[in-house]
Amino acid sequence: MTTRALTALSIAAVGLLMAAPQAAASPEDDLCRSITSVGYTGDCTTLTTLARDACTQFARGADSTAVAEKLDIATKDETLSNFIVAGARLYLCPEPTST
């Protein structure tokens, strides 16, 4: 193949890959991706477990401040705790139902 043909083939392959639909990510993957995108590279399983626990606390009526303070003890990082609380609400916690 000529250089021109290889270049055209490469461009076409890249275009197909970029246009291909992305596999649907799970909420856990979205949470992990979100937290790692801001520089935290912790274990995704641990982050997800902490976020799910935050959802449980919210379901019991806890407010964000109380949940974050409890997470601060586990993470020893106030900023990470805040990201977990925000990510839990955004990706994992069910929407509150109206009564």
N, C-alpha and C. Protein backbone atom coordinates (compact mmCIF):
# COMPACT_ATOMS: atom_id res chain seq x y z
N MET A 1 0.83 -1.18 0.00
CA MET A 1 0.00 0.00 0.00
C MET A 1 0.88 1.24 0.00
N THR A 2 0.36 2.23 -0.63
CA THR A 2 1.09 3.49 -0.65
C THR A 2 0.85 4.25 0.65
N THR A 3 1.68 5.22 0.87
CA THR A 3 1.54 6.05 2.07
C THR A 3 0.19 6.75 2.09
N ARG A 4 -0.25 7.22 0.93
CA ARG A 4 -1.54 7.91 0.85
C ARG A 4 -2.68 6.96 1.21
N ALA A 5 -2.63 5.73 0.73
CA ALA A 5 -3.67 4.75 1.03
C ALA A 5 -3.67 4.39 2.52
N LEU A 6 -2.49 4.23 3.10
CA LEU A 6 -2.40 3.93 4.53
C LEU A 6 -2.94 5.09 5.36
N THR A 7 -2.63 6.30 4.95
CA THR A 7 -3.13 7.47 5.67
C THR A 7 -4.64 7.53 5.60
N ALA A 8 -5.20 7.31 4.41
CA ALA A 8 -6.65 7.34 4.25
C ALA A 8 -7.31 6.24 5.08
N LEU A 9 -6.72 5.06 5.08
CA LEU A 9 -7.26 3.95 5.86
C LEU A 9 -7.20 4.27 7.36
N SER A 10 -6.11 4.85 7.80
CA SER A 10 -5.98 5.22 9.21
C SER A 10 -7.02 6.26 9.61
N ILE A 11 -7.22 7.25 8.77
CA ILE A 11 -8.21 8.29 9.05
C ILE A 11 -9.60 7.69 9.11
N ALA A 12 -9.90 6.79 8.18
CA ALA A 12 -11.21 6.14 8.17
C ALA A 12 -11.42 5.30 9.43
N ALA A 13 -10.40 4.59 9.85
CA ALA A 13 -10.51 3.75 11.05
C ALA A 13 -10.73 4.61 12.29
N VAL A 14 -10.00 5.69 12.40
CA VAL A 14 -10.18 6.59 13.54
C VAL A 14 -11.58 7.19 13.52
N GLY A 15 -12.05 7.57 12.36
CA GLY A 15 -13.40 8.13 12.24
C GLY A 15 -14.46 7.14 12.67
N LEU A 16 -14.31 5.88 12.28
CA LEU A 16 -15.27 4.86 12.68
C LEU A 16 -15.26 4.63 14.18
N LEU A 17 -14.08 4.61 14.75
CA LEU A 17 -13.99 4.42 16.20
C LEU A 17 -14.62 5.58 16.96
N MET A 18 -14.42 6.78 16.47
CA MET A 18 -14.99 7.94 17.15
C MET A 18 -16.50 8.02 16.98
N ALA A 19 -17.00 7.53 15.85
CA ALA A 19 -18.44 7.58 15.58
C ALA A 19 -19.19 6.41 16.20
N ALA A 20 -18.48 5.38 16.59
CA ALA A 20 -19.14 4.20 17.15
C ALA A 20 -19.80 4.56 18.48
N PRO A 21 -20.98 4.01 18.73
CA PRO A 21 -21.63 4.31 20.00
C PRO A 21 -20.82 3.74 21.16
N GLN A 22 -20.73 4.50 22.21
CA GLN A 22 -20.01 4.05 23.40
C GLN A 22 -20.88 3.06 24.17
N ALA A 23 -20.24 2.09 24.75
CA ALA A 23 -20.97 1.14 25.58
C ALA A 23 -21.56 1.91 26.76
N ALA A 24 -22.75 1.54 27.12
CA ALA A 24 -23.40 2.22 28.24
C ALA A 24 -22.62 1.93 29.52
N ALA A 25 -22.21 2.99 30.16
CA ALA A 25 -21.46 2.83 31.41
C ALA A 25 -22.44 2.68 32.56
N SER A 26 -22.02 1.96 33.56
CA SER A 26 -22.85 1.80 34.75
C SER A 26 -22.73 3.06 35.60
N PRO A 27 -23.67 3.29 36.50
CA PRO A 27 -23.54 4.43 37.41
C PRO A 27 -22.25 4.37 38.23
N GLU A 28 -21.84 3.17 38.59
CA GLU A 28 -20.60 3.01 39.35
C GLU A 28 -19.40 3.46 38.53
N ASP A 29 -19.39 3.08 37.23
CA ASP A 29 -18.31 3.52 36.35
C ASP A 29 -18.31 5.03 36.20
N ASP A 30 -19.50 5.61 36.06
CA ASP A 30 -19.61 7.07 35.93
C ASP A 30 -19.09 7.76 37.19
N LEU A 31 -19.45 7.23 38.35
CA LEU A 31 -18.97 7.79 39.61
C LEU A 31 -17.45 7.74 39.66
N CYS A 32 -16.90 6.59 39.37
CA CYS A 32 -15.45 6.41 39.42
C CYS A 32 -14.74 7.33 38.42
N ARG A 33 -15.26 7.39 37.21
CA ARG A 33 -14.66 8.23 36.18
C ARG A 33 -14.70 9.70 36.62
N SER A 34 -15.80 10.10 37.21
CA SER A 34 -15.94 11.48 37.67
C SER A 34 -14.92 11.81 38.75
N ILE A 35 -14.79 10.93 39.72
CA ILE A 35 -13.86 11.19 40.82
C ILE A 35 -12.41 11.12 40.35
N THR A 36 -12.09 10.17 39.49
CA THR A 36 -10.71 10.08 39.00
C THR A 36 -10.37 11.25 38.07
N SER A 37 -11.38 11.82 37.41
CA SER A 37 -11.11 12.95 36.50
C SER A 37 -10.64 14.19 37.25
N VAL A 38 -10.91 14.26 38.54
CA VAL A 38 -10.45 15.41 39.33
C VAL A 38 -9.19 15.07 40.13
N GLY A 39 -8.59 13.92 39.83
CA GLY A 39 -7.29 13.61 40.40
C GLY A 39 -7.23 12.57 41.49
N TYR A 40 -8.36 12.00 41.87
CA TYR A 40 -8.36 10.96 42.90
C TYR A 40 -8.29 9.61 42.22
N THR A 41 -7.30 8.83 42.56
CA THR A 41 -7.09 7.55 41.89
C THR A 41 -7.27 6.38 42.83
N GLY A 42 -8.20 6.51 43.74
CA GLY A 42 -8.46 5.43 44.70
C GLY A 42 -9.12 4.23 44.04
N ASP A 43 -9.29 3.22 44.83
CA ASP A 43 -9.94 1.99 44.39
C ASP A 43 -11.42 2.26 44.12
N CYS A 44 -11.87 1.98 42.91
CA CYS A 44 -13.26 2.26 42.53
C CYS A 44 -14.26 1.49 43.39
N THR A 45 -13.93 0.29 43.78
CA THR A 45 -14.83 -0.50 44.61
C THR A 45 -15.04 0.19 45.96
N THR A 46 -13.98 0.69 46.54
CA THR A 46 -14.08 1.39 47.81
C THR A 46 -14.87 2.68 47.66
N LEU A 47 -14.58 3.45 46.61
CA LEU A 47 -15.31 4.70 46.38
C LEU A 47 -16.80 4.43 46.19
N THR A 48 -17.13 3.38 45.45
CA THR A 48 -18.53 3.04 45.22
C THR A 48 -19.20 2.61 46.52
N THR A 49 -18.50 1.82 47.32
CA THR A 49 -19.06 1.39 48.61
C THR A 49 -19.34 2.60 49.50
N LEU A 50 -18.41 3.53 49.56
CA LEU A 50 -18.62 4.74 50.36
C LEU A 50 -19.79 5.57 49.83
N ALA A 51 -19.91 5.66 48.51
CA ALA A 51 -21.01 6.42 47.91
C ALA A 51 -22.35 5.74 48.17
N ARG A 52 -22.38 4.42 48.09
CA ARG A 52 -23.64 3.71 48.37
C ARG A 52 -24.04 3.88 49.84
N ASP A 53 -23.05 3.89 50.72
CA ASP A 53 -23.34 4.14 52.13
C ASP A 53 -23.90 5.55 52.32
N ALA A 54 -23.37 6.50 51.56
CA ALA A 54 -23.91 7.86 51.62
C ALA A 54 -25.38 7.87 51.19
N CYS A 55 -25.71 7.12 50.15
CA CYS A 55 -27.11 7.03 49.70
C CYS A 55 -28.00 6.46 50.80
N THR A 56 -27.50 5.44 51.49
CA THR A 56 -28.26 4.84 52.59
C THR A 56 -28.52 5.87 53.68
N GLN A 57 -27.50 6.65 53.99
CA GLN A 57 -27.66 7.69 55.01
C GLN A 57 -28.67 8.75 54.56
N PHE A 58 -28.62 9.13 53.27
CA PHE A 58 -29.58 10.10 52.75
C PHE A 58 -31.00 9.55 52.85
N ALA A 59 -31.15 8.27 52.54
CA ALA A 59 -32.47 7.64 52.60
C ALA A 59 -33.03 7.64 54.03
N ARG A 60 -32.13 7.63 55.00
CA ARG A 60 -32.55 7.66 56.41
C ARG A 60 -32.78 9.09 56.91
N GLY A 61 -32.56 10.07 56.04
CA GLY A 61 -32.84 11.45 56.40
C GLY A 61 -31.64 12.30 56.76
N ALA A 62 -30.43 11.76 56.63
CA ALA A 62 -29.24 12.55 56.96
C ALA A 62 -29.05 13.65 55.92
N ASP A 63 -28.47 14.76 56.35
CA ASP A 63 -28.19 15.82 55.39
C ASP A 63 -26.76 15.67 54.87
N SER A 64 -26.45 16.42 53.82
CA SER A 64 -25.15 16.30 53.16
C SER A 64 -23.98 16.58 54.10
N THR A 65 -24.15 17.55 54.98
CA THR A 65 -23.07 17.89 55.91
C THR A 65 -22.75 16.73 56.84
N ALA A 66 -23.77 16.11 57.39
CA ALA A 66 -23.56 14.98 58.30
C ALA A 66 -22.91 13.81 57.57
N VAL A 67 -23.36 13.56 56.35
CA VAL A 67 -22.79 12.45 55.57
C VAL A 67 -21.33 12.75 55.26
N ALA A 68 -21.03 13.97 54.84
CA ALA A 68 -19.65 14.33 54.50
C ALA A 68 -18.74 14.24 55.73
N GLU A 69 -19.25 14.66 56.88
CA GLU A 69 -18.44 14.58 58.10
C GLU A 69 -18.12 13.14 58.46
N LYS A 70 -19.07 12.24 58.27
CA LYS A 70 -18.81 10.82 58.54
C LYS A 70 -17.78 10.28 57.54
N LEU A 71 -17.91 10.71 56.28
CA LEU A 71 -16.96 10.27 55.26
C LEU A 71 -15.55 10.80 55.55
N ASP A 72 -15.46 12.01 56.10
CA ASP A 72 -14.15 12.58 56.42
C ASP A 72 -13.36 11.64 57.33
N ILE A 73 -14.05 10.97 58.23
CA ILE A 73 -13.38 10.03 59.13
C ILE A 73 -12.82 8.86 58.34
N ALA A 74 -13.59 8.37 57.37
CA ALA A 74 -13.16 7.21 56.58
C ALA A 74 -12.07 7.58 55.57
N THR A 75 -12.24 8.72 54.90
CA THR A 75 -11.31 9.08 53.83
C THR A 75 -10.11 9.89 54.31
N LYS A 76 -10.27 10.57 55.44
CA LYS A 76 -9.24 11.49 55.94
C LYS A 76 -8.92 12.57 54.90
N ASP A 77 -9.92 12.90 54.08
CA ASP A 77 -9.74 13.90 53.02
C ASP A 77 -11.09 14.58 52.77
N GLU A 78 -11.21 15.81 53.27
CA GLU A 78 -12.49 16.52 53.19
C GLU A 78 -12.94 16.72 51.74
N THR A 79 -12.02 17.05 50.86
CA THR A 79 -12.38 17.28 49.46
C THR A 79 -12.89 16.00 48.82
N LEU A 80 -12.20 14.89 49.05
CA LEU A 80 -12.65 13.61 48.51
C LEU A 80 -14.03 13.27 49.05
N SER A 81 -14.25 13.49 50.33
CA SER A 81 -15.57 13.23 50.92
C SER A 81 -16.65 14.03 50.21
N ASN A 82 -16.37 15.29 49.93
CA ASN A 82 -17.34 16.13 49.23
C ASN A 82 -17.62 15.61 47.83
N PHE A 83 -16.58 15.15 47.13
CA PHE A 83 -16.79 14.57 45.80
C PHE A 83 -17.62 13.30 45.88
N ILE A 84 -17.39 12.48 46.90
CA ILE A 84 -18.17 11.25 47.05
C ILE A 84 -19.63 11.58 47.31
N VAL A 85 -19.90 12.55 48.18
CA VAL A 85 -21.28 12.95 48.47
C VAL A 85 -21.96 13.45 47.20
N ALA A 86 -21.28 14.33 46.48
CA ALA A 86 -21.86 14.87 45.24
C ALA A 86 -22.06 13.77 44.21
N GLY A 87 -21.06 12.90 44.06
CA GLY A 87 -21.17 11.81 43.10
C GLY A 87 -22.25 10.81 43.46
N ALA A 88 -22.39 10.54 44.75
CA ALA A 88 -23.44 9.62 45.19
C ALA A 88 -24.80 10.15 44.79
N ARG A 89 -25.04 11.42 45.08
CA ARG A 89 -26.33 12.03 44.73
C ARG A 89 -26.55 12.04 43.22
N LEU A 90 -25.50 12.31 42.48
CA LEU A 90 -25.62 12.43 41.03
C LEU A 90 -25.78 11.08 40.34
N TYR A 91 -25.02 10.08 40.76
CA TYR A 91 -24.96 8.82 40.02
C TYR A 91 -25.66 7.63 40.67
N LEU A 92 -25.70 7.57 41.99
CA LEU A 92 -26.13 6.33 42.64
C LEU A 92 -27.43 6.41 43.43
N CYS A 93 -27.67 7.52 44.10
CA CYS A 93 -28.84 7.59 44.98
C CYS A 93 -30.12 7.72 44.16
N PRO A 94 -31.13 6.94 44.53
CA PRO A 94 -32.40 7.08 43.82
C PRO A 94 -33.00 8.45 44.08
N GLU A 95 -33.75 8.92 43.11
CA GLU A 95 -34.42 10.21 43.26
C GLU A 95 -35.43 10.11 44.40
N PRO A 96 -35.50 11.15 45.21
CA PRO A 96 -36.52 11.14 46.27
C PRO A 96 -37.92 11.15 45.66
N THR A 97 -38.81 10.41 46.27
CA THR A 97 -40.18 10.36 45.75
C THR A 97 -41.01 11.44 46.40
N SER A 98 -41.91 12.00 45.62
CA SER A 98 -42.81 13.03 46.14
C SER A 98 -43.99 12.35 46.81
N THR A 99 -44.43 12.92 47.90
CA THR A 99 -45.60 12.34 48.58
C THR A 99 -46.78 13.26 48.50
